[in-house]
Amino acid sequence: MKIINLKLPIKDNKDKNITNTKSTGDLDEILCEEDDAVVGISDGVLQVNVDDPWHAFNTLLSCTHIYELFSTPSATVASIRNMGRVALRHPLSLEEIISHLVEETGARIDLAHPYTSIEYNGWRIFMQLEPQGQLELDATRISSIPPLTSLMDPLLAARTLTLLMAPSTAVIVGPPGSGKSTLLNSMLLEIAYLWPNLHVAIVEPVKELILQGGWASRMEGPVSKLVRLTVRYKRPDILAVGELSTDDVWSFIEAGRSGIPTISTYHSPNIWKCLQSMADAISLHIPGAKEYTVLRYIDLFIITRRIIDRSKITRHVSSVYLSDGQRLIPIYIYDTKSRHLSEEKFIEKLPMTSILGDAKQLYENLKPRHPVKGVFEDLPPLLPISKEPRTHAIRTQ
């Protein structure tokens, strides 16, 4: 398959009605065909052979190779499987497209309500109106939930589920687009399959997680308030928060301290930035909180990464750390290969019981479902950033 470089479309100020139309025979590669519409690649840019902007937009959404669209008045860029990001030859007409979306879904967007999020034809679409009147649109395909072991080393899946049921307060950490929500969704799917009688309560600022099977409930809105209401009145067995902001960290910690497995996603580029950000967030409740303070309240850190190159975007779990209240214990590290904490050391870290009974027995029951890959090592603990100046304590891991 041809590697596509990201090229911004060329503006043509002479013809305001210029389209993405080009004959099928002129395309280097056809991505999808639907009735009279064709999506393909020509000269390193994306093309749709449709004149009508609304028809062109829906044609792009129906193309299964495309999973993201980012559009401004000056450029439209698509993320395409196995190709990376490719620009549309001529930007979409956002005014017409957003007008159609508002009519179809009943969404509201104006200067008093400058942004909104909707679901449309299997896509989650975020629309924004800038103060100067410029429109922007970002769309992400709502994909099916992948199996947990397609995102996480099989043995690591068994260990992570065991630790979560300890119970633990866990966060999936990574930059935007690194697969945090997808991983959380896959973990919830696995939990629903293994233990369908457990009540999983989901709290989200905006609907993102997909519920499939098991016993689950959902609340959407202000996270801190809904987390407290959920723990108090719904009495869940597991709490999942779709996305955690710094304003919501303390309510999340309080839920974890109640003794139920609690898990969320958190935007941060690495474990050290995560600890710094969370320490700042909880300092309102614990004056003088430092990075090492966070380790008393968050038990499990799952770190994800996103790598962008010219031909594709890859996402993976790069490391997993267990906190013992003072140090970070590496459970898993991926560099050139999967490296697991030795079995003996891992079992030493398990508590006596979990919410499902004996923790060691739970782990033994999960292991046959998630066979071993990678190698075992005695991975050394990492000291958190302490009272030393931060410039002396930042780690490169």
Protein backbone atom coordinates (compact mmCIF):
# COMPACT_ATOMS: atom_id res chain seq x y z
CA MET A 1 0.00 0.00 0.00
CA LYS A 2 1.27 3.44 -0.93
CA ILE A 3 2.52 5.55 1.98
CA ILE A 4 0.65 8.85 2.08
CA ASN A 5 2.32 12.05 3.23
CA LEU A 6 0.15 14.71 4.85
CA LYS A 7 -0.35 17.45 2.26
CA LEU A 8 -2.58 20.42 2.93
CA PRO A 9 -5.06 21.17 0.16
CA ILE A 10 -4.27 23.93 -2.28
CA LYS A 11 -6.60 26.89 -2.04
CA ASP A 12 -8.05 28.26 -5.25
CA ASN A 13 -9.38 31.76 -4.67
CA LYS A 14 -10.53 32.05 -8.28
CA ASP A 15 -13.21 29.41 -8.00
CA LYS A 16 -15.19 29.35 -4.76
CA ASN A 17 -17.30 26.42 -5.96
CA ILE A 18 -14.41 24.07 -6.66
CA THR A 19 -15.16 20.48 -5.54
CA ASN A 20 -13.33 17.26 -4.73
CA THR A 21 -14.57 15.66 -7.93
CA LYS A 22 -12.19 13.67 -10.06
CA SER A 23 -12.87 10.66 -12.24
CA THR A 24 -12.36 7.20 -10.80
CA GLY A 25 -9.72 6.45 -13.40
CA ASP A 26 -7.55 9.30 -12.12
CA LEU A 27 -7.37 7.91 -8.57
CA ASP A 28 -4.20 6.15 -7.44
CA GLU A 29 -6.18 4.07 -4.94
CA ILE A 30 -9.90 3.63 -4.31
CA LEU A 31 -10.83 3.40 -0.63
CA CYS A 32 -14.56 2.79 -1.01
CA GLU A 33 -17.38 2.99 -3.55
CA GLU A 34 -21.03 3.57 -2.78
CA ASP A 35 -23.63 3.98 -5.53
CA ASP A 36 -22.46 7.05 -7.47
CA ALA A 37 -19.84 8.11 -4.87
CA VAL A 38 -16.17 7.14 -4.76
CA VAL A 39 -13.55 7.97 -2.10
CA GLY A 40 -9.93 7.57 -3.08
CA ILE A 41 -6.36 8.85 -3.05
CA SER A 42 -4.78 10.86 -5.86
CA ASP A 43 -1.36 12.52 -5.77
CA GLY A 44 -1.16 12.03 -2.01
CA VAL A 45 -4.46 13.70 -1.13
CA LEU A 46 -7.97 12.44 -0.41
CA GLN A 47 -10.77 12.95 -2.93
CA VAL A 48 -14.53 12.41 -3.11
CA ASN A 49 -16.17 12.45 -6.54
CA VAL A 50 -19.31 14.19 -5.24
CA ASP A 51 -20.26 17.82 -5.84
CA ASP A 52 -22.79 18.30 -3.04
CA PRO A 53 -21.01 19.04 0.31
CA TRP A 54 -23.59 17.20 2.45
CA HIS A 55 -23.43 14.14 0.18
CA ALA A 56 -19.61 14.31 0.24
CA PHE A 57 -19.58 14.48 4.04
CA ASN A 58 -21.85 11.45 4.40
CA THR A 59 -19.78 9.56 1.84
CA LEU A 60 -16.65 10.14 3.95
CA LEU A 61 -18.48 8.98 7.08
CA SER A 62 -19.60 5.77 5.35
CA CYS A 63 -16.04 4.91 4.25
CA THR A 64 -14.90 2.27 6.76
CA HIS A 65 -11.21 3.07 6.19
CA ILE A 66 -11.71 6.53 7.69
CA TYR A 67 -11.98 6.78 11.49
CA GLU A 68 -11.38 10.48 12.19
CA LEU A 69 -12.21 13.76 10.44
CA PHE A 70 -10.89 17.20 11.41
CA SER A 71 -12.26 20.17 9.49
CA THR A 72 -11.82 23.95 9.52
CA PRO A 73 -12.69 26.45 6.79
CA SER A 74 -9.15 26.15 5.42
CA ALA A 75 -8.45 22.40 5.70
CA THR A 76 -10.08 19.00 6.16
CA VAL A 77 -7.90 16.08 7.29
CA ALA A 78 -8.90 12.42 7.64
CA SER A 79 -7.24 9.65 9.65
CA ILE A 80 -7.18 6.56 7.43
CA ARG A 81 -6.34 3.05 8.57
CA ASN A 82 -2.82 1.96 7.57
CA MET A 83 -2.19 5.34 5.92
CA GLY A 84 -2.16 7.88 8.74
CA ARG A 85 -3.51 11.38 8.20
CA VAL A 86 -4.39 12.56 4.71
CA ALA A 87 -5.80 15.94 3.66
CA LEU A 88 -8.92 16.31 1.52
CA ARG A 89 -8.11 18.06 -1.76
CA HIS A 90 -10.55 20.87 -1.00
CA PRO A 91 -11.99 21.58 2.47
CA LEU A 92 -15.57 20.68 3.30
CA SER A 93 -18.22 23.40 3.34
CA LEU A 94 -18.76 23.46 7.11
CA GLU A 95 -21.59 25.99 7.13
CA GLU A 96 -23.77 23.77 4.96
CA ILE A 97 -22.77 20.54 6.71
CA ILE A 98 -23.34 21.86 10.23
CA SER A 99 -26.70 23.32 9.17
CA HIS A 100 -27.75 19.84 8.01
CA LEU A 101 -26.47 18.23 11.23
CA VAL A 102 -28.42 20.72 13.35
CA GLU A 103 -31.55 20.00 11.33
CA GLU A 104 -31.07 16.22 11.51
CA THR A 105 -30.23 15.95 15.23
CA GLY A 106 -31.84 18.99 16.85
CA ALA A 107 -28.45 20.14 18.18
CA ARG A 108 -27.99 23.80 19.03
CA ILE A 109 -24.93 25.84 18.15
CA ASP A 110 -24.78 29.64 18.22
CA LEU A 111 -22.83 32.38 19.99
CA ALA A 112 -24.71 31.65 23.22
CA HIS A 113 -23.97 27.91 22.84
CA PRO A 114 -20.66 27.90 20.92
CA TYR A 115 -20.00 24.16 20.97
CA THR A 116 -21.93 20.91 21.07
CA SER A 117 -21.37 17.17 20.74
CA ILE A 118 -23.72 14.80 18.92
CA GLU A 119 -23.88 11.22 17.68
CA TYR A 120 -24.70 10.77 14.01
CA ASN A 121 -24.58 7.63 11.85
CA GLY A 122 -22.11 5.84 14.11
CA TRP A 123 -19.88 8.89 14.62
CA ARG A 124 -19.31 11.20 17.57
CA ILE A 125 -19.17 14.73 16.18
CA PHE A 126 -17.96 17.83 18.02
CA MET A 127 -18.93 21.19 16.47
CA GLN A 128 -17.56 24.55 17.54
CA LEU A 129 -18.33 28.17 16.68
CA GLU A 130 -15.46 30.57 17.34
CA PRO A 131 -16.27 34.11 18.58
CA GLN A 132 -15.27 35.52 15.19
CA GLY A 133 -17.79 33.20 13.50
CA GLN A 134 -15.40 30.49 12.25
CA LEU A 135 -16.78 26.96 12.35
CA GLU A 136 -14.83 23.81 13.23
CA LEU A 137 -15.83 20.14 13.19
CA ASP A 138 -14.09 17.10 14.68
CA ALA A 139 -15.56 13.64 14.15
CA THR A 140 -14.54 10.24 15.54
CA ARG A 141 -16.01 6.92 14.44
CA ILE A 142 -17.70 4.98 17.24
CA SER A 143 -16.03 1.65 16.64
CA SER A 144 -16.81 -1.80 17.97
CA ILE A 145 -15.07 -2.72 21.20
CA PRO A 146 -11.88 -4.74 20.57
CA PRO A 147 -11.00 -7.71 22.81
CA LEU A 148 -8.89 -6.73 25.81
CA THR A 149 -6.01 -8.98 24.76
CA SER A 150 -5.76 -7.19 21.41
CA LEU A 151 -4.85 -4.02 23.31
CA MET A 152 -2.94 -5.43 26.27
CA ASP A 153 -0.48 -8.27 26.73
CA PRO A 154 -2.55 -11.35 27.76
CA LEU A 155 -0.78 -11.97 31.07
CA LEU A 156 -0.97 -8.26 31.83
CA ALA A 157 -4.73 -8.41 31.27
CA ALA A 158 -5.05 -11.09 33.97
CA ARG A 159 -2.85 -9.13 36.35
CA THR A 160 -4.61 -5.82 35.74
CA LEU A 161 -8.08 -7.29 36.28
CA THR A 162 -6.88 -9.00 39.47
CA LEU A 163 -5.43 -5.77 40.83
CA LEU A 164 -8.53 -3.76 39.90
CA MET A 165 -10.70 -6.18 41.88
CA ALA A 166 -8.36 -5.92 44.90
CA PRO A 167 -10.08 -3.34 44.98
CA SER A 168 -7.92 -0.63 43.47
CA THR A 169 -8.30 2.96 42.39
CA ALA A 170 -6.86 2.90 38.87
CA VAL A 171 -6.18 5.44 36.13
CA ILE A 172 -5.42 4.88 32.46
CA VAL A 173 -2.95 7.64 31.60
CA GLY A 174 -1.94 8.98 28.21
CA PRO A 175 -2.18 11.89 25.76
CA PRO A 176 -5.35 12.49 23.73
CA GLY A 177 -5.87 9.82 21.09
CA SER A 178 -3.64 7.21 22.75
CA GLY A 179 -6.46 4.68 23.17
CA LYS A 180 -7.37 5.30 26.82
CA SER A 181 -11.15 5.19 26.37
CA THR A 182 -10.90 2.21 24.03
CA LEU A 183 -8.84 0.31 26.61
CA LEU A 184 -11.30 1.21 29.39
CA ASN A 185 -14.19 0.06 27.22
CA SER A 186 -12.44 -3.25 26.51
CA MET A 187 -11.81 -3.78 30.23
CA LEU A 188 -15.49 -3.15 30.99
CA LEU A 189 -16.49 -5.58 28.23
CA GLU A 190 -14.21 -8.25 29.71
CA ILE A 191 -15.64 -7.64 33.19
CA ALA A 192 -19.20 -7.92 31.83
CA TYR A 193 -18.31 -11.22 30.18
CA LEU A 194 -16.52 -12.73 33.18
CA TRP A 195 -18.80 -11.41 35.94
CA PRO A 196 -22.18 -10.41 34.43
CA ASN A 197 -23.77 -10.04 37.89
CA LEU A 198 -21.44 -7.22 38.95
CA HIS A 199 -23.08 -3.79 38.80
CA VAL A 200 -20.86 -1.43 36.78
CA ALA A 201 -21.79 2.26 37.15
CA ILE A 202 -20.47 4.63 34.50
CA VAL A 203 -20.18 8.39 35.00
CA GLU A 204 -19.21 10.57 32.04
CA PRO A 205 -19.21 14.29 31.24
CA VAL A 206 -20.18 13.33 27.66
CA LYS A 207 -21.31 9.92 26.46
CA GLU A 208 -18.32 8.02 25.07
CA LEU A 209 -18.20 4.53 26.56
CA ILE A 210 -20.21 1.78 24.90
CA LEU A 211 -22.19 -0.57 27.13
CA GLN A 212 -22.43 -4.16 25.95
CA GLY A 213 -23.74 -6.96 28.16
CA GLY A 214 -23.57 -7.37 31.90
CA TRP A 215 -25.30 -5.12 34.42
CA ALA A 216 -24.43 -1.50 33.79
CA SER A 217 -25.90 1.94 34.44
CA ARG A 218 -24.84 5.33 33.17
CA MET A 219 -25.04 8.96 34.30
CA GLU A 220 -23.93 11.93 32.17
CA GLY A 221 -23.10 15.40 33.44
CA PRO A 222 -20.86 17.06 36.04
CA VAL A 223 -18.50 14.29 37.13
CA SER A 224 -17.79 15.23 40.76
CA LYS A 225 -21.45 15.59 41.66
CA LEU A 226 -22.54 12.44 39.83
CA VAL A 227 -19.71 10.32 41.28
CA ARG A 228 -20.89 11.15 44.81
CA LEU A 229 -24.53 10.46 43.91
CA THR A 230 -23.62 7.19 42.20
CA VAL A 231 -21.58 5.84 45.10
CA ARG A 232 -24.20 6.87 47.66
CA TYR A 233 -27.42 5.81 45.94
CA LYS A 234 -26.59 3.34 43.14
CA ARG A 235 -24.16 1.35 45.34
CA PRO A 236 -22.20 -0.11 42.39
CA ASP A 237 -19.73 -2.96 42.53
CA ILE A 238 -17.41 -1.11 40.11
CA LEU A 239 -17.26 2.58 39.21
CA ALA A 240 -15.91 3.72 35.83
CA VAL A 241 -15.47 7.42 35.10
CA GLY A 242 -15.26 8.11 31.38
CA GLU A 243 -12.80 10.99 31.61
CA LEU A 244 -11.25 12.59 34.67
CA SER A 245 -10.38 16.30 34.80
CA THR A 246 -8.21 17.86 37.50
CA ASP A 247 -11.36 19.32 39.08
CA ASP A 248 -12.75 15.80 39.52
CA VAL A 249 -9.67 14.05 40.95
CA TRP A 250 -10.66 14.38 44.61
CA SER A 251 -14.22 13.05 44.16
CA PHE A 252 -12.71 10.14 42.22
CA ILE A 253 -10.29 9.44 45.08
CA GLU A 254 -13.15 9.62 47.59
CA ALA A 255 -15.05 6.99 45.58
CA GLY A 256 -12.00 4.72 45.59
CA ARG A 257 -11.61 5.15 49.34
CA SER A 258 -15.14 3.79 49.76
CA GLY A 259 -13.80 0.34 48.91
CA ILE A 260 -15.10 -0.29 45.37
CA PRO A 261 -12.93 -0.86 42.29
CA THR A 262 -12.70 2.55 40.64
CA ILE A 263 -11.17 3.29 37.24
CA SER A 264 -10.94 6.27 34.91
CA THR A 265 -8.89 7.84 32.12
CA TYR A 266 -6.61 10.85 32.64
CA HIS A 267 -4.87 13.08 30.11
CA SER A 268 -1.13 13.23 30.73
CA PRO A 269 1.93 12.41 28.58
CA ASN A 270 3.60 10.15 31.16
CA ILE A 271 3.47 8.89 34.74
CA TRP A 272 5.58 11.73 36.16
CA LYS A 273 3.47 14.52 34.65
CA CYS A 274 0.41 12.62 35.86
CA LEU A 275 1.67 12.60 39.46
CA GLN A 276 2.51 16.31 39.31
CA SER A 277 -0.90 17.22 37.89
CA MET A 278 -2.82 15.10 40.40
CA ALA A 279 -0.77 16.48 43.30
CA ASP A 280 -1.71 20.00 42.23
CA ALA A 281 -5.36 18.93 41.97
CA ILE A 282 -5.59 17.44 45.46
CA SER A 283 -3.61 20.22 47.15
CA LEU A 284 -6.91 22.05 47.72
CA HIS A 285 -7.93 19.18 50.01
CA ILE A 286 -4.47 18.19 51.26
CA PRO A 287 -2.39 21.36 51.65
CA GLY A 288 1.18 20.82 50.60
CA ALA A 289 0.38 17.63 48.61
CA LYS A 290 3.32 16.41 46.56
CA GLU A 291 3.72 13.82 43.86
CA TYR A 292 4.41 11.06 46.38
CA THR A 293 1.15 11.98 48.18
CA VAL A 294 -0.81 10.75 45.15
CA LEU A 295 0.57 7.24 45.68
CA ARG A 296 -1.40 6.94 48.92
CA TYR A 297 -4.66 7.28 46.98
CA ILE A 298 -4.12 5.95 43.44
CA ASP A 299 -3.15 2.27 43.39
CA LEU A 300 -2.72 1.43 39.72
CA PHE A 301 -1.38 3.44 36.76
CA ILE A 302 -1.81 2.10 33.21
CA ILE A 303 0.25 4.18 30.76
CA THR A 304 -0.68 4.36 27.07
CA ARG A 305 1.24 5.85 24.16
CA ARG A 306 0.46 7.03 20.66
CA ILE A 307 3.08 7.05 17.91
CA ILE A 308 2.39 8.95 14.68
CA ASP A 309 4.45 8.37 11.57
CA ARG A 310 3.82 8.97 7.90
CA SER A 311 2.07 5.68 7.23
CA LYS A 312 0.07 4.93 10.37
CA ILE A 313 -0.85 5.79 13.94
CA THR A 314 -0.10 3.11 16.54
CA ARG A 315 -1.33 2.93 20.14
CA HIS A 316 -0.20 0.58 22.88
CA VAL A 317 0.15 0.08 26.64
CA SER A 318 3.72 1.10 27.40
CA SER A 319 3.87 0.39 31.14
CA VAL A 320 1.81 -0.44 34.22
CA TYR A 321 2.74 0.57 37.77
CA LEU A 322 1.36 -0.53 41.13
CA SER A 323 1.71 1.85 44.06
CA ASP A 324 2.64 0.51 47.48
CA GLY A 325 1.89 3.92 48.99
CA GLN A 326 5.50 5.03 48.74
CA ARG A 327 6.94 3.68 45.49
CA LEU A 328 5.89 2.76 41.98
CA ILE A 329 6.27 -0.98 41.37
CA PRO A 330 6.60 -1.74 37.64
CA ILE A 331 4.24 -4.58 36.79
CA TYR A 332 4.88 -4.32 33.08
CA ILE A 333 7.18 -2.39 30.75
CA TYR A 334 7.21 -2.53 26.97
CA ASP A 335 10.22 -1.22 25.09
CA THR A 336 11.45 -3.64 22.45
CA LYS A 337 9.64 -6.53 24.10
CA SER A 338 7.06 -7.23 26.82
CA ARG A 339 8.69 -7.40 30.26
CA HIS A 340 6.66 -8.57 33.24
CA LEU A 341 7.46 -8.41 36.92
CA SER A 342 8.43 -11.92 38.00
CA GLU A 343 5.57 -14.16 39.08
CA GLU A 344 6.94 -14.52 42.59
CA LYS A 345 7.26 -10.76 43.06
CA PHE A 346 3.81 -10.08 41.59
CA ILE A 347 2.06 -12.58 43.87
CA GLU A 348 3.82 -10.99 46.85
CA LYS A 349 2.11 -7.72 45.94
CA LEU A 350 -1.40 -9.18 45.88
CA PRO A 351 -3.66 -8.59 48.89
CA MET A 352 -5.21 -11.51 50.71
CA THR A 353 -8.71 -10.89 49.37
CA SER A 354 -10.53 -9.12 46.55
CA ILE A 355 -14.20 -8.23 46.05
CA LEU A 356 -14.48 -11.68 44.41
CA GLY A 357 -12.82 -13.65 47.18
CA ASP A 358 -9.24 -14.85 47.52
CA ALA A 359 -7.05 -12.60 45.32
CA LYS A 360 -4.42 -15.23 44.55
CA GLN A 361 -7.10 -17.72 43.52
CA LEU A 362 -8.72 -15.07 41.32
CA TYR A 363 -5.39 -14.52 39.59
CA GLU A 364 -4.89 -18.26 39.08
CA ASN A 365 -8.38 -18.51 37.58
CA LEU A 366 -7.71 -15.67 35.14
CA LYS A 367 -4.29 -16.83 33.94
CA PRO A 368 -5.49 -19.75 31.78
CA ARG A 369 -7.73 -17.29 29.93
CA HIS A 370 -4.77 -14.95 29.40
CA PRO A 371 -1.66 -17.08 28.66
CA VAL A 372 1.86 -15.78 29.18
CA LYS A 373 3.69 -13.84 26.48
CA GLY A 374 6.91 -11.89 26.91
CA VAL A 375 9.54 -12.45 29.59
CA PHE A 376 9.68 -12.22 33.39
CA GLU A 377 12.14 -9.91 35.10
CA ASP A 378 12.79 -8.55 38.57
CA LEU A 379 11.84 -4.99 37.60
CA PRO A 380 13.18 -2.57 40.25
CA PRO A 381 10.79 -0.20 42.06
CA LEU A 382 10.83 3.49 41.13
CA LEU A 383 10.87 6.16 43.80
CA PRO A 384 8.29 8.88 43.24
CA ILE A 385 9.29 12.50 42.96
CA SER A 386 10.02 13.47 46.54
CA LYS A 387 10.88 16.62 48.44
CA GLU A 388 13.90 17.12 46.22
CA PRO A 389 13.66 19.86 43.58
CA ARG A 390 11.69 18.60 40.60
CA THR A 391 14.55 19.29 38.21
CA HIS A 392 16.56 16.59 40.00
CA ALA A 393 13.74 14.10 40.13
CA ILE A 394 12.14 13.87 36.70
CA ARG A 395 12.50 10.37 35.31
CA THR A 396 12.82 9.52 31.63
CA GLN A 397 10.80 6.28 31.75
